């Protein structure tokens, strides 16, 4: 039976079982009957307590705020694993079947709090790639496009020519020893092909190979 409104809150009881990525939920009893559950942050925001009046208009506002709060908690849980692009968070919330209105309010809140920033995300992505798995600009662009980042933002964070060359050398250096068993021509071809598969263009790959060869010759002298 639907709880009639208006009414007064007679008790607030935190749910013992917490669902992953949702946060603490509180059961709200109106006139001694369970009526609905709210995120604890909604309880605190509206300063709900025993004796608080609940009317239809307030209930509508509470449930709207609660929906936003649950979607926000889901988004924060998703962001807890690693940084995400705005498009990734949007898609995740869509998969959970939140309305477009709720999603837009949550994304705005995350942007305002600094948890969503595609430029920072893209810069971090490029930097992490440079340190762990160096990739050429072509592949970096492809990866970031797949994350939903726009073209202008991607172009602003891609390495310059010197950074691209440094990344190519970093990517190639661990492969040099395994290529040493081939003759010089074959090793060169395989090294350049490897770099091109990593997203570097031919000119950068060729330069990286030559610079590594020069380094090795200097060491031998």
N, C-alpha and C. Protein backbone atom coordinates (compact mmCIF):
# COMPACT_ATOMS: atom_id res chain seq x y z
N UNK A 1 0.85 -1.20 0.00
CA UNK A 1 0.00 0.00 0.00
C UNK A 1 0.88 1.24 0.00
N UNK A 2 0.54 2.22 -0.82
CA UNK A 2 1.34 3.42 -0.92
C UNK A 2 1.20 4.27 0.33
N UNK A 3 2.30 4.75 0.85
CA UNK A 3 2.30 5.59 2.03
C UNK A 3 1.63 6.93 1.72
N UNK A 4 0.61 7.33 2.49
CA UNK A 4 -0.04 8.62 2.24
C UNK A 4 0.85 9.76 2.68
N UNK A 5 0.76 10.90 2.02
CA UNK A 5 1.50 12.09 2.39
C UNK A 5 0.51 13.25 2.42
N UNK A 6 0.72 14.23 3.26
CA UNK A 6 1.88 14.45 4.13
C UNK A 6 1.91 13.51 5.34
N UNK A 7 3.07 13.51 6.01
CA UNK A 7 3.26 12.72 7.21
C UNK A 7 4.52 13.16 7.91
N UNK A 8 4.83 12.52 9.01
CA UNK A 8 6.04 12.85 9.77
C UNK A 8 6.97 11.66 9.83
N UNK A 9 8.25 11.94 9.75
CA UNK A 9 9.25 10.88 9.91
C UNK A 9 9.22 10.42 11.37
N UNK A 10 9.07 9.12 11.53
CA UNK A 10 9.06 8.57 12.89
C UNK A 10 10.36 7.86 13.22
N UNK A 11 11.11 7.44 12.19
CA UNK A 11 12.44 6.86 12.46
C UNK A 11 13.25 6.79 11.17
N UNK A 12 14.56 6.82 11.36
CA UNK A 12 15.53 6.67 10.27
C UNK A 12 16.46 5.54 10.65
N UNK A 13 16.55 4.51 9.79
CA UNK A 13 17.34 3.33 10.11
C UNK A 13 18.31 3.04 8.97
N UNK A 14 19.61 3.08 9.27
CA UNK A 14 20.62 2.78 8.26
C UNK A 14 20.54 1.31 7.87
N UNK A 15 20.61 1.04 6.59
CA UNK A 15 20.58 -0.34 6.12
C UNK A 15 21.88 -1.04 6.50
N UNK A 16 21.75 -2.25 7.03
CA UNK A 16 22.94 -2.99 7.49
C UNK A 16 23.81 -3.43 6.33
N UNK A 17 23.18 -3.81 5.22
CA UNK A 17 23.92 -4.32 4.07
C UNK A 17 24.21 -3.19 3.11
N UNK A 18 25.48 -3.02 2.79
CA UNK A 18 25.88 -1.98 1.85
C UNK A 18 26.15 -2.60 0.49
N UNK A 19 25.59 -1.98 -0.54
CA UNK A 19 25.83 -2.45 -1.90
C UNK A 19 27.05 -1.74 -2.47
N UNK A 20 27.85 -2.51 -3.17
CA UNK A 20 29.10 -1.98 -3.70
C UNK A 20 28.83 -0.83 -4.66
N UNK A 21 29.51 0.27 -4.43
CA UNK A 21 29.39 1.41 -5.32
C UNK A 21 28.16 2.25 -5.11
N UNK A 22 27.39 1.99 -4.07
CA UNK A 22 26.17 2.75 -3.82
C UNK A 22 26.31 3.65 -2.61
N UNK A 23 26.96 3.19 -1.56
CA UNK A 23 27.09 3.98 -0.36
C UNK A 23 26.04 3.63 0.68
N UNK A 24 26.05 4.33 1.78
CA UNK A 24 25.14 4.03 2.88
C UNK A 24 23.72 4.48 2.54
N UNK A 25 22.76 3.57 2.70
CA UNK A 25 21.35 3.86 2.47
C UNK A 25 20.62 3.89 3.80
N UNK A 26 19.62 4.73 3.89
CA UNK A 26 18.86 4.89 5.13
C UNK A 26 17.38 4.68 4.83
N UNK A 27 16.75 3.76 5.57
CA UNK A 27 15.32 3.53 5.45
C UNK A 27 14.57 4.62 6.21
N UNK A 28 13.59 5.20 5.55
CA UNK A 28 12.82 6.29 6.14
C UNK A 28 11.41 5.78 6.46
N UNK A 29 11.03 5.89 7.72
CA UNK A 29 9.71 5.48 8.17
C UNK A 29 8.86 6.72 8.41
N UNK A 30 7.71 6.76 7.75
CA UNK A 30 6.78 7.88 7.91
C UNK A 30 5.52 7.34 8.58
N UNK A 31 5.16 7.97 9.71
CA UNK A 31 3.99 7.52 10.49
C UNK A 31 4.07 6.03 10.79
N UNK A 32 5.27 5.62 11.24
CA UNK A 32 5.55 4.25 11.68
C UNK A 32 5.63 3.22 10.55
N UNK A 33 5.53 3.66 9.30
CA UNK A 33 5.58 2.72 8.17
C UNK A 33 6.79 3.03 7.29
N UNK A 34 7.45 1.94 6.83
CA UNK A 34 8.55 2.16 5.88
C UNK A 34 7.99 2.80 4.63
N UNK A 35 8.64 3.88 4.19
CA UNK A 35 8.13 4.62 3.04
C UNK A 35 9.10 4.62 1.86
N UNK A 36 10.38 4.83 2.13
CA UNK A 36 11.36 4.88 1.06
C UNK A 36 12.75 4.86 1.69
N UNK A 37 13.75 4.69 0.85
CA UNK A 37 15.14 4.72 1.31
C UNK A 37 15.87 5.83 0.58
N UNK A 38 16.83 6.46 1.29
CA UNK A 38 17.60 7.56 0.71
C UNK A 38 19.08 7.37 0.99
N UNK A 39 19.88 7.92 0.12
CA UNK A 39 21.31 7.99 0.39
C UNK A 39 21.52 8.85 1.63
N UNK A 40 22.47 8.46 2.48
CA UNK A 40 22.70 9.20 3.72
C UNK A 40 23.06 10.66 3.45
N UNK A 41 23.69 10.92 2.32
CA UNK A 41 24.05 12.31 1.99
C UNK A 41 22.82 13.16 1.71
N UNK A 42 21.76 12.53 1.20
CA UNK A 42 20.51 13.26 0.98
C UNK A 42 19.85 13.55 2.34
N UNK A 43 19.92 12.58 3.22
CA UNK A 43 19.39 12.78 4.59
C UNK A 43 20.07 13.99 5.22
N UNK A 44 21.40 14.02 5.09
CA UNK A 44 22.17 15.11 5.72
C UNK A 44 21.92 16.45 5.02
N UNK A 45 21.84 16.43 3.69
CA UNK A 45 21.64 17.67 2.94
C UNK A 45 20.33 18.34 3.31
N UNK A 46 19.27 17.54 3.44
CA UNK A 46 17.95 18.09 3.75
C UNK A 46 17.67 18.13 5.25
N UNK A 47 18.67 17.71 6.03
CA UNK A 47 18.56 17.73 7.49
C UNK A 47 17.31 17.01 7.99
N UNK A 48 17.10 15.84 7.40
CA UNK A 48 15.94 15.05 7.81
C UNK A 48 16.21 14.40 9.16
N UNK A 49 15.20 14.36 9.99
CA UNK A 49 15.33 13.78 11.33
C UNK A 49 13.95 13.34 11.80
N UNK A 50 13.94 12.64 12.89
CA UNK A 50 12.67 12.23 13.47
C UNK A 50 11.82 13.46 13.74
N UNK A 51 10.58 13.44 13.27
CA UNK A 51 9.69 14.57 13.43
C UNK A 51 9.61 15.47 12.21
N UNK A 52 10.52 15.29 11.22
CA UNK A 52 10.48 16.11 10.01
C UNK A 52 9.21 15.84 9.22
N UNK A 53 8.63 16.89 8.68
CA UNK A 53 7.42 16.75 7.86
C UNK A 53 7.80 16.34 6.44
N UNK A 54 7.06 15.39 5.90
CA UNK A 54 7.27 14.95 4.52
C UNK A 54 5.97 15.19 3.77
N UNK A 55 6.05 16.04 2.75
CA UNK A 55 4.89 16.29 1.90
C UNK A 55 5.24 15.89 0.47
N UNK A 56 4.26 15.87 -0.39
CA UNK A 56 4.45 15.33 -1.74
C UNK A 56 5.53 16.08 -2.51
N UNK A 57 5.55 17.41 -2.40
CA UNK A 57 6.54 18.18 -3.13
C UNK A 57 7.95 17.87 -2.64
N UNK A 58 8.11 17.78 -1.33
CA UNK A 58 9.42 17.47 -0.76
C UNK A 58 9.85 16.06 -1.16
N UNK A 59 8.91 15.13 -1.15
CA UNK A 59 9.23 13.75 -1.52
C UNK A 59 9.77 13.70 -2.96
N UNK A 60 9.11 14.42 -3.86
CA UNK A 60 9.58 14.46 -5.25
C UNK A 60 11.01 14.98 -5.33
N UNK A 61 11.31 16.02 -4.55
CA UNK A 61 12.66 16.59 -4.54
C UNK A 61 13.66 15.62 -3.93
N UNK A 62 13.24 14.93 -2.88
CA UNK A 62 14.13 13.97 -2.22
C UNK A 62 14.49 12.82 -3.15
N UNK A 63 13.48 12.30 -3.84
CA UNK A 63 13.73 11.16 -4.72
C UNK A 63 14.58 11.57 -5.93
N UNK A 64 14.37 12.79 -6.41
CA UNK A 64 15.21 13.30 -7.50
C UNK A 64 16.65 13.41 -7.03
N UNK A 65 16.84 13.98 -5.85
CA UNK A 65 18.19 14.14 -5.30
C UNK A 65 18.82 12.78 -5.03
N UNK A 66 18.00 11.84 -4.58
CA UNK A 66 18.52 10.50 -4.28
C UNK A 66 18.98 9.79 -5.55
N UNK A 67 18.21 9.96 -6.63
CA UNK A 67 18.62 9.36 -7.90
C UNK A 67 19.96 9.92 -8.35
N UNK A 68 20.12 11.24 -8.24
CA UNK A 68 21.40 11.86 -8.58
C UNK A 68 22.51 11.33 -7.70
N UNK A 69 22.22 11.17 -6.42
CA UNK A 69 23.24 10.72 -5.47
C UNK A 69 23.69 9.29 -5.77
N UNK A 70 22.73 8.43 -6.11
CA UNK A 70 23.09 7.05 -6.44
C UNK A 70 23.91 6.99 -7.72
N UNK A 71 23.50 7.76 -8.72
CA UNK A 71 24.26 7.79 -9.97
C UNK A 71 25.66 8.37 -9.74
N UNK A 72 25.73 9.38 -8.90
CA UNK A 72 27.02 10.00 -8.57
C UNK A 72 27.93 8.97 -7.87
N UNK A 73 27.36 8.22 -6.92
CA UNK A 73 28.14 7.20 -6.21
C UNK A 73 28.65 6.14 -7.18
N UNK A 74 27.80 5.75 -8.14
CA UNK A 74 28.21 4.77 -9.15
C UNK A 74 29.37 5.31 -9.98
N UNK A 75 29.25 6.58 -10.36
CA UNK A 75 30.31 7.19 -11.17
C UNK A 75 31.61 7.27 -10.39
N UNK A 76 31.54 7.65 -9.12
CA UNK A 76 32.74 7.74 -8.30
C UNK A 76 33.37 6.37 -8.10
N UNK A 77 32.56 5.35 -7.96
CA UNK A 77 33.07 3.99 -7.82
C UNK A 77 33.80 3.58 -9.11
N UNK A 78 33.22 3.94 -10.24
CA UNK A 78 33.83 3.66 -11.55
C UNK A 78 35.15 4.40 -11.70
N UNK A 79 35.19 5.63 -11.23
CA UNK A 79 36.41 6.43 -11.30
C UNK A 79 37.47 5.97 -10.31
N UNK A 80 37.05 5.18 -9.32
CA UNK A 80 37.98 4.74 -8.29
C UNK A 80 39.05 3.79 -8.80
N UNK A 81 38.78 3.11 -9.91
CA UNK A 81 39.75 2.15 -10.44
C UNK A 81 40.88 2.85 -11.20
N UNK A 82 40.52 3.88 -11.96
CA UNK A 82 41.51 4.67 -12.69
C UNK A 82 40.81 5.91 -13.22
N UNK A 83 41.61 6.85 -13.72
CA UNK A 83 41.02 8.04 -14.33
C UNK A 83 40.23 7.63 -15.58
N UNK A 84 39.17 8.36 -15.84
CA UNK A 84 38.31 8.06 -17.00
C UNK A 84 38.03 9.35 -17.78
N UNK A 85 37.70 9.16 -19.04
CA UNK A 85 37.23 10.29 -19.83
C UNK A 85 35.75 10.51 -19.52
N UNK A 86 35.28 11.69 -19.89
CA UNK A 86 33.86 11.98 -19.66
C UNK A 86 32.96 11.02 -20.42
N UNK A 87 33.35 10.67 -21.64
CA UNK A 87 32.55 9.75 -22.44
C UNK A 87 32.46 8.37 -21.80
N UNK A 88 33.54 7.92 -21.17
CA UNK A 88 33.53 6.62 -20.51
C UNK A 88 32.54 6.62 -19.35
N UNK A 89 32.54 7.70 -18.55
CA UNK A 89 31.62 7.78 -17.42
C UNK A 89 30.18 7.86 -17.91
N UNK A 90 29.97 8.66 -18.95
CA UNK A 90 28.62 8.79 -19.51
C UNK A 90 28.10 7.42 -19.97
N UNK A 91 28.94 6.69 -20.70
CA UNK A 91 28.53 5.39 -21.21
C UNK A 91 28.24 4.41 -20.07
N UNK A 92 29.05 4.48 -19.02
CA UNK A 92 28.84 3.57 -17.87
C UNK A 92 27.51 3.86 -17.21
N UNK A 93 27.15 5.13 -17.05
CA UNK A 93 25.87 5.47 -16.43
C UNK A 93 24.70 5.10 -17.35
N UNK A 94 24.90 5.22 -18.65
CA UNK A 94 23.85 4.81 -19.58
C UNK A 94 23.60 3.31 -19.48
N UNK A 95 24.66 2.55 -19.30
CA UNK A 95 24.52 1.10 -19.15
C UNK A 95 23.69 0.76 -17.92
N UNK A 96 23.77 1.62 -16.90
CA UNK A 96 22.96 1.41 -15.69
C UNK A 96 21.56 2.00 -15.83
N UNK A 97 21.25 2.50 -17.03
CA UNK A 97 19.91 2.98 -17.39
C UNK A 97 19.48 4.23 -16.61
N UNK A 98 20.43 5.10 -16.31
CA UNK A 98 20.05 6.39 -15.74
C UNK A 98 19.56 7.28 -16.88
N UNK A 99 18.63 8.17 -16.55
CA UNK A 99 18.09 9.06 -17.57
C UNK A 99 19.15 10.07 -18.00
N UNK A 100 18.95 10.65 -19.18
CA UNK A 100 19.90 11.65 -19.67
C UNK A 100 19.99 12.84 -18.73
N UNK A 101 18.86 13.22 -18.12
CA UNK A 101 18.85 14.36 -17.20
C UNK A 101 19.72 14.09 -15.98
N UNK A 102 19.60 12.90 -15.41
CA UNK A 102 20.41 12.54 -14.25
C UNK A 102 21.88 12.50 -14.64
N UNK A 103 22.19 11.90 -15.77
CA UNK A 103 23.58 11.78 -16.22
C UNK A 103 24.20 13.15 -16.40
N UNK A 104 23.49 14.07 -17.02
CA UNK A 104 24.04 15.41 -17.24
C UNK A 104 24.30 16.13 -15.92
N UNK A 105 23.42 15.97 -14.96
CA UNK A 105 23.63 16.62 -13.66
C UNK A 105 24.83 16.02 -12.94
N UNK A 106 24.99 14.70 -13.04
CA UNK A 106 26.12 14.04 -12.39
C UNK A 106 27.43 14.45 -13.07
N UNK A 107 27.45 14.47 -14.39
CA UNK A 107 28.67 14.86 -15.11
C UNK A 107 29.06 16.30 -14.78
N UNK A 108 28.07 17.18 -14.70
CA UNK A 108 28.36 18.57 -14.35
C UNK A 108 28.98 18.65 -12.97
N UNK A 109 28.42 17.91 -12.03
CA UNK A 109 28.96 17.90 -10.66
C UNK A 109 30.39 17.39 -10.64
N UNK A 110 30.66 16.32 -11.39
CA UNK A 110 32.01 15.75 -11.42
C UNK A 110 33.00 16.71 -12.07
N UNK A 111 32.55 17.42 -13.10
CA UNK A 111 33.42 18.42 -13.73
C UNK A 111 33.74 19.55 -12.75
N UNK A 112 32.71 20.03 -12.08
CA UNK A 112 32.90 21.14 -11.14
C UNK A 112 33.83 20.75 -9.99
N UNK A 113 33.80 19.49 -9.60
CA UNK A 113 34.66 19.02 -8.50
C UNK A 113 36.04 18.61 -8.97
N UNK A 114 36.26 18.64 -10.27
CA UNK A 114 37.58 18.31 -10.80
C UNK A 114 37.83 16.82 -11.01
N UNK A 115 36.79 15.99 -10.86
CA UNK A 115 36.96 14.55 -11.06
C UNK A 115 36.90 14.17 -12.53
N UNK A 116 36.34 15.05 -13.37
CA UNK A 116 36.28 14.81 -14.81
C UNK A 116 36.90 15.99 -15.52
N UNK A 117 37.94 15.70 -16.29
CA UNK A 117 38.61 16.74 -17.08
C UNK A 117 39.34 16.02 -18.21
N UNK A 118 38.78 16.07 -19.40
CA UNK A 118 39.34 15.30 -20.51
C UNK A 118 40.76 15.73 -20.87
N UNK A 119 41.07 17.00 -20.68
CA UNK A 119 42.43 17.45 -21.00
C UNK A 119 43.43 16.84 -20.02
N UNK A 120 43.10 16.86 -18.73
CA UNK A 120 43.98 16.25 -17.73
C UNK A 120 44.07 14.74 -17.93
N UNK A 121 42.92 14.13 -18.22
CA UNK A 121 42.90 12.68 -18.46
C UNK A 121 43.80 12.32 -19.64
N UNK A 122 43.69 13.07 -20.73
CA UNK A 122 44.47 12.78 -21.93
C UNK A 122 45.96 12.98 -21.69
N UNK A 123 46.29 14.06 -20.98
CA UNK A 123 47.70 14.32 -20.67
C UNK A 123 48.28 13.20 -19.81
N UNK A 124 47.49 12.73 -18.84
CA UNK A 124 47.94 11.64 -17.97
C UNK A 124 48.10 10.35 -18.78
N UNK A 125 47.18 10.10 -19.71
CA UNK A 125 47.24 8.90 -20.54
C UNK A 125 48.53 8.89 -21.36
N UNK A 126 48.84 10.03 -21.99
CA UNK A 126 50.04 10.14 -22.82
C UNK A 126 51.29 9.99 -21.96
N UNK A 127 51.30 10.61 -20.80
CA UNK A 127 52.47 10.52 -19.91
C UNK A 127 52.69 9.09 -19.43
N UNK A 128 51.62 8.41 -19.04
CA UNK A 128 51.74 7.03 -18.59
C UNK A 128 52.24 6.11 -19.70
N UNK A 129 51.76 6.35 -20.90
CA UNK A 129 52.24 5.57 -22.04
C UNK A 129 53.74 5.80 -22.25
N UNK A 130 54.17 7.03 -22.12
CA UNK A 130 55.58 7.36 -22.33
C UNK A 130 56.48 6.63 -21.34
N UNK A 131 55.98 6.42 -20.12
CA UNK A 131 56.79 5.78 -19.08
C UNK A 131 56.70 4.25 -19.10
N UNK A 132 55.56 3.73 -19.49
CA UNK A 132 55.39 2.28 -19.39
C UNK A 132 55.40 1.57 -20.74
N UNK A 133 54.55 2.00 -21.65
CA UNK A 133 54.46 1.36 -22.97
C UNK A 133 54.45 2.45 -24.04
N UNK A 134 55.61 2.98 -24.40
CA UNK A 134 55.67 4.10 -25.36
C UNK A 134 54.94 3.78 -26.66
N UNK A 135 54.14 4.74 -27.10
CA UNK A 135 53.39 4.61 -28.33
C UNK A 135 53.55 5.87 -29.16
N UNK A 136 53.45 5.72 -30.47
CA UNK A 136 53.54 6.86 -31.37
C UNK A 136 52.27 7.68 -31.34
N UNK A 137 52.36 8.89 -31.89
CA UNK A 137 51.22 9.78 -31.89
C UNK A 137 50.00 9.19 -32.55
N UNK A 138 50.20 8.44 -33.63
CA UNK A 138 49.05 7.84 -34.34
C UNK A 138 48.28 6.90 -33.44
N UNK A 139 48.99 6.06 -32.71
CA UNK A 139 48.30 5.11 -31.83
C UNK A 139 47.71 5.81 -30.60
N UNK A 140 48.41 6.83 -30.09
CA UNK A 140 47.86 7.59 -28.97
C UNK A 140 46.55 8.26 -29.37
N UNK A 141 46.51 8.82 -30.57
CA UNK A 141 45.27 9.42 -31.06
C UNK A 141 44.16 8.39 -31.12
N UNK A 142 44.47 7.21 -31.64
CA UNK A 142 43.47 6.16 -31.77
C UNK A 142 42.95 5.74 -30.39
N UNK A 143 43.85 5.56 -29.44
CA UNK A 143 43.45 5.14 -28.10
C UNK A 143 42.54 6.18 -27.45
N UNK A 144 42.91 7.44 -27.55
CA UNK A 144 42.13 8.49 -26.91
C UNK A 144 40.79 8.71 -27.62
N UNK A 145 40.76 8.54 -28.94
CA UNK A 145 39.48 8.63 -29.64
C UNK A 145 38.54 7.53 -29.16
N UNK A 146 39.09 6.35 -28.92
CA UNK A 146 38.27 5.26 -28.41
C UNK A 146 37.72 5.56 -27.01
N UNK A 147 38.39 6.45 -26.29
CA UNK A 147 37.92 6.87 -24.97
C UNK A 147 36.92 8.02 -25.08
N UNK A 148 36.65 8.46 -26.30
CA UNK A 148 35.66 9.51 -26.50
C UNK A 148 36.19 10.91 -26.39
N UNK A 149 37.50 11.08 -26.41
CA UNK A 149 38.10 12.42 -26.29
C UNK A 149 38.06 13.10 -27.65
N UNK A 150 37.75 14.40 -27.67
CA UNK A 150 37.63 15.10 -28.94
C UNK A 150 39.00 15.40 -29.55
N UNK A 151 38.99 15.68 -30.85
CA UNK A 151 40.22 15.84 -31.63
C UNK A 151 41.10 16.97 -31.09
N UNK A 152 40.48 18.12 -30.76
CA UNK A 152 41.26 19.27 -30.31
C UNK A 152 41.99 18.97 -29.00
N UNK A 153 41.32 18.29 -28.09
CA UNK A 153 41.95 17.94 -26.81
C UNK A 153 43.11 16.99 -27.02
N UNK A 154 42.93 16.02 -27.91
CA UNK A 154 44.00 15.05 -28.20
C UNK A 154 45.23 15.76 -28.77
N UNK A 155 44.99 16.60 -29.75
CA UNK A 155 46.11 17.28 -30.41
C UNK A 155 46.90 18.15 -29.43
N UNK A 156 46.21 18.67 -28.41
CA UNK A 156 46.88 19.56 -27.45
C UNK A 156 47.84 18.81 -26.53
N UNK A 157 47.67 17.49 -26.38
CA UNK A 157 48.49 16.75 -25.41
C UNK A 157 49.49 15.80 -26.07
N UNK A 158 49.44 15.67 -27.39
CA UNK A 158 50.37 14.75 -28.05
C UNK A 158 51.81 15.25 -27.94
N UNK A 159 52.77 14.35 -27.87
CA UNK A 159 54.18 14.75 -27.78
C UNK A 159 54.60 15.56 -29.00
N UNK A 160 55.55 16.49 -28.79
CA UNK A 160 56.12 17.21 -29.93
C UNK A 160 57.10 16.28 -30.64
N UNK A 161 57.77 16.80 -31.68
CA UNK A 161 58.66 15.96 -32.48
C UNK A 161 59.77 15.32 -31.64
N UNK A 162 60.33 16.11 -30.73
CA UNK A 162 61.40 15.57 -29.88
C UNK A 162 60.88 14.50 -28.93
N UNK A 163 59.70 14.76 -28.36
CA UNK A 163 59.10 13.77 -27.46
C UNK A 163 58.74 12.50 -28.19
N UNK A 164 58.26 12.63 -29.43
CA UNK A 164 57.93 11.47 -30.25
C UNK A 164 59.18 10.62 -30.50
N UNK A 165 60.28 11.29 -30.82
CA UNK A 165 61.53 10.57 -31.07
C UNK A 165 62.02 9.86 -29.81
N UNK A 166 61.94 10.55 -28.69
CA UNK A 166 62.36 9.95 -27.41
C UNK A 166 61.51 8.72 -27.08
N UNK A 167 60.21 8.82 -27.33
CA UNK A 167 59.33 7.69 -27.07
C UNK A 167 59.66 6.51 -27.97
N UNK A 168 59.98 6.80 -29.23
CA UNK A 168 60.34 5.72 -30.16
C UNK A 168 61.61 5.01 -29.70
N UNK A 169 62.59 5.78 -29.26
CA UNK A 169 63.84 5.17 -28.76
C UNK A 169 63.56 4.33 -27.52
N UNK A 170 62.72 4.83 -26.62
CA UNK A 170 62.38 4.08 -25.41
C UNK A 170 61.66 2.79 -25.74
N UNK A 171 60.79 2.84 -26.75
CA UNK A 171 60.06 1.64 -27.15
C UNK A 171 60.98 0.62 -27.81
N UNK A 172 61.95 1.11 -28.58
CA UNK A 172 62.81 0.21 -29.36
C UNK A 172 63.94 -0.39 -28.53
N UNK A 173 64.46 0.36 -27.57
CA UNK A 173 65.66 -0.07 -26.85
C UNK A 173 65.56 -1.50 -26.28
N UNK A 174 64.44 -1.89 -25.64
CA UNK A 174 64.37 -3.26 -25.11
C UNK A 174 64.37 -4.34 -26.19
N UNK A 175 64.06 -3.96 -27.44
CA UNK A 175 64.00 -4.94 -28.52
C UNK A 175 65.35 -5.16 -29.19
N UNK A 176 66.29 -4.26 -28.99
CA UNK A 176 67.56 -4.30 -29.73
C UNK A 176 68.31 -5.61 -29.48
N UNK A 177 68.33 -6.05 -28.24
CA UNK A 177 69.08 -7.28 -27.93
C UNK A 177 68.50 -8.48 -28.67
N UNK A 178 67.16 -8.58 -28.75
CA UNK A 178 66.56 -9.73 -29.44
C UNK A 178 66.77 -9.65 -30.95
N UNK A 179 66.98 -8.44 -31.45
CA UNK A 179 67.21 -8.28 -32.89
C UNK A 179 68.66 -8.52 -33.28
N UNK A 180 69.54 -8.62 -32.30
CA UNK A 180 70.97 -8.75 -32.58
C UNK A 180 71.31 -10.06 -33.30
N UNK A 181 70.43 -11.06 -33.23
CA UNK A 181 70.72 -12.35 -33.86
C UNK A 181 70.51 -12.31 -35.38
N UNK A 182 69.91 -11.23 -35.86
CA UNK A 182 69.69 -11.08 -37.30
C UNK A 182 70.83 -10.28 -37.93
N UNK A 183 70.95 -10.40 -39.24
CA UNK A 183 71.92 -9.56 -39.93
C UNK A 183 71.45 -8.11 -39.86
N UNK A 184 72.35 -7.21 -40.17
CA UNK A 184 72.09 -5.77 -39.97
C UNK A 184 70.84 -5.29 -40.71
N UNK A 185 70.69 -5.69 -41.96
CA UNK A 185 69.55 -5.25 -42.76
C UNK A 185 68.23 -5.77 -42.19
N UNK A 186 68.21 -7.05 -41.85
CA UNK A 186 66.99 -7.65 -41.31
C UNK A 186 66.63 -7.03 -39.96
N UNK A 187 67.64 -6.85 -39.12
CA UNK A 187 67.40 -6.26 -37.80
C UNK A 187 66.81 -4.87 -37.95
N UNK A 188 67.37 -4.10 -38.87
CA UNK A 188 66.87 -2.73 -39.09
C UNK A 188 65.41 -2.75 -39.54
N UNK A 189 65.11 -3.63 -40.50
CA UNK A 189 63.73 -3.72 -41.01
C UNK A 189 62.76 -4.12 -39.90
N UNK A 190 63.15 -5.11 -39.11
CA UNK A 190 62.28 -5.57 -38.03
C UNK A 190 62.11 -4.49 -36.96
N UNK A 191 63.18 -3.78 -36.66
CA UNK A 191 63.09 -2.72 -35.66
C UNK A 191 62.16 -1.61 -36.10
N UNK A 192 62.30 -1.19 -37.35
CA UNK A 192 61.44 -0.13 -37.88
C UNK A 192 59.99 -0.59 -37.97
N UNK A 193 59.77 -1.82 -38.41
CA UNK A 193 58.40 -2.36 -38.48
C UNK A 193 57.76 -2.42 -37.10
N UNK A 194 58.55 -2.81 -36.10
CA UNK A 194 58.03 -2.85 -34.74
C UNK A 194 57.54 -1.47 -34.31
N UNK A 195 58.34 -0.45 -34.55
CA UNK A 195 57.97 0.90 -34.15
C UNK A 195 56.74 1.40 -34.90
N UNK A 196 56.63 1.04 -36.16
CA UNK A 196 55.46 1.47 -36.93
C UNK A 196 54.20 0.79 -36.41
N UNK A 197 54.32 -0.45 -35.93
CA UNK A 197 53.17 -1.11 -35.32
C UNK A 197 52.78 -0.43 -34.01
N UNK A 198 53.74 0.23 -33.39
CA UNK A 198 53.48 0.96 -32.14
C UNK A 198 52.94 2.36 -32.40
N UNK A 199 52.73 2.71 -33.66
CA UNK A 199 52.11 3.99 -33.97
C UNK A 199 53.06 5.09 -34.39
N UNK A 200 54.34 4.78 -34.54
CA UNK A 200 55.30 5.79 -34.99
C UNK A 200 55.37 5.77 -36.52
N UNK A 201 55.56 6.94 -37.12
CA UNK A 201 55.68 6.95 -38.57
C UNK A 201 57.07 6.48 -38.99
N UNK A 202 57.23 6.24 -40.29
CA UNK A 202 58.48 5.66 -40.79
C UNK A 202 59.68 6.55 -40.47
N UNK A 203 59.52 7.85 -40.67
CA UNK A 203 60.64 8.76 -40.43
C UNK A 203 61.12 8.73 -38.99
N UNK A 204 60.19 8.74 -38.06
CA UNK A 204 60.55 8.68 -36.63
C UNK A 204 61.19 7.34 -36.31
N UNK A 205 60.61 6.26 -36.84
CA UNK A 205 61.15 4.92 -36.58
C UNK A 205 62.58 4.79 -37.11
N UNK A 206 62.81 5.30 -38.31
CA UNK A 206 64.14 5.24 -38.92
C UNK A 206 65.15 6.04 -38.09
N UNK A 207 64.74 7.23 -37.65
CA UNK A 207 65.63 8.06 -36.83
C UNK A 207 65.95 7.38 -35.51
N UNK A 208 64.94 6.77 -34.89
CA UNK A 208 65.16 6.08 -33.61
C UNK A 208 66.15 4.94 -33.76
N UNK A 209 66.00 4.17 -34.85
CA UNK A 209 66.94 3.07 -35.09
C UNK A 209 68.36 3.59 -35.27
N UNK A 210 68.52 4.63 -36.04
CA UNK A 210 69.85 5.17 -36.31
C UNK A 210 70.49 5.73 -35.04
N UNK A 211 69.70 6.38 -34.21
CA UNK A 211 70.25 6.95 -32.98
C UNK A 211 70.71 5.87 -32.01
N UNK A 212 69.96 4.78 -31.96
CA UNK A 212 70.37 3.68 -31.09
C UNK A 212 71.64 3.04 -31.61
N UNK A 213 71.74 2.90 -32.92
CA UNK A 213 72.96 2.34 -33.50
C UNK A 213 74.16 3.23 -33.22
N UNK A 214 73.96 4.53 -33.29
CA UNK A 214 75.04 5.48 -32.98
C UNK A 214 75.47 5.37 -31.52
N UNK A 215 74.49 5.22 -30.63
CA UNK A 215 74.81 5.08 -29.21
C UNK A 215 75.65 3.83 -28.97
N UNK A 216 75.27 2.73 -29.62
CA UNK A 216 76.00 1.47 -29.43
C UNK A 216 77.43 1.58 -29.99
N UNK A 217 77.57 2.26 -31.10
CA UNK A 217 78.92 2.43 -31.67
C UNK A 217 79.81 3.27 -30.74
N UNK A 218 79.25 4.30 -30.15
CA UNK A 218 79.99 5.14 -29.21
C UNK A 218 80.42 4.33 -27.98
N UNK A 219 79.56 3.43 -27.53
CA UNK A 219 79.89 2.61 -26.37
C UNK A 219 81.02 1.64 -26.69
N UNK A 220 81.06 1.16 -27.95
CA UNK A 220 82.08 0.18 -28.33
C UNK A 220 83.46 0.82 -28.53
N UNK A 221 83.47 2.12 -28.77
CA UNK A 221 84.75 2.78 -29.03
C UNK A 221 85.56 3.04 -27.77
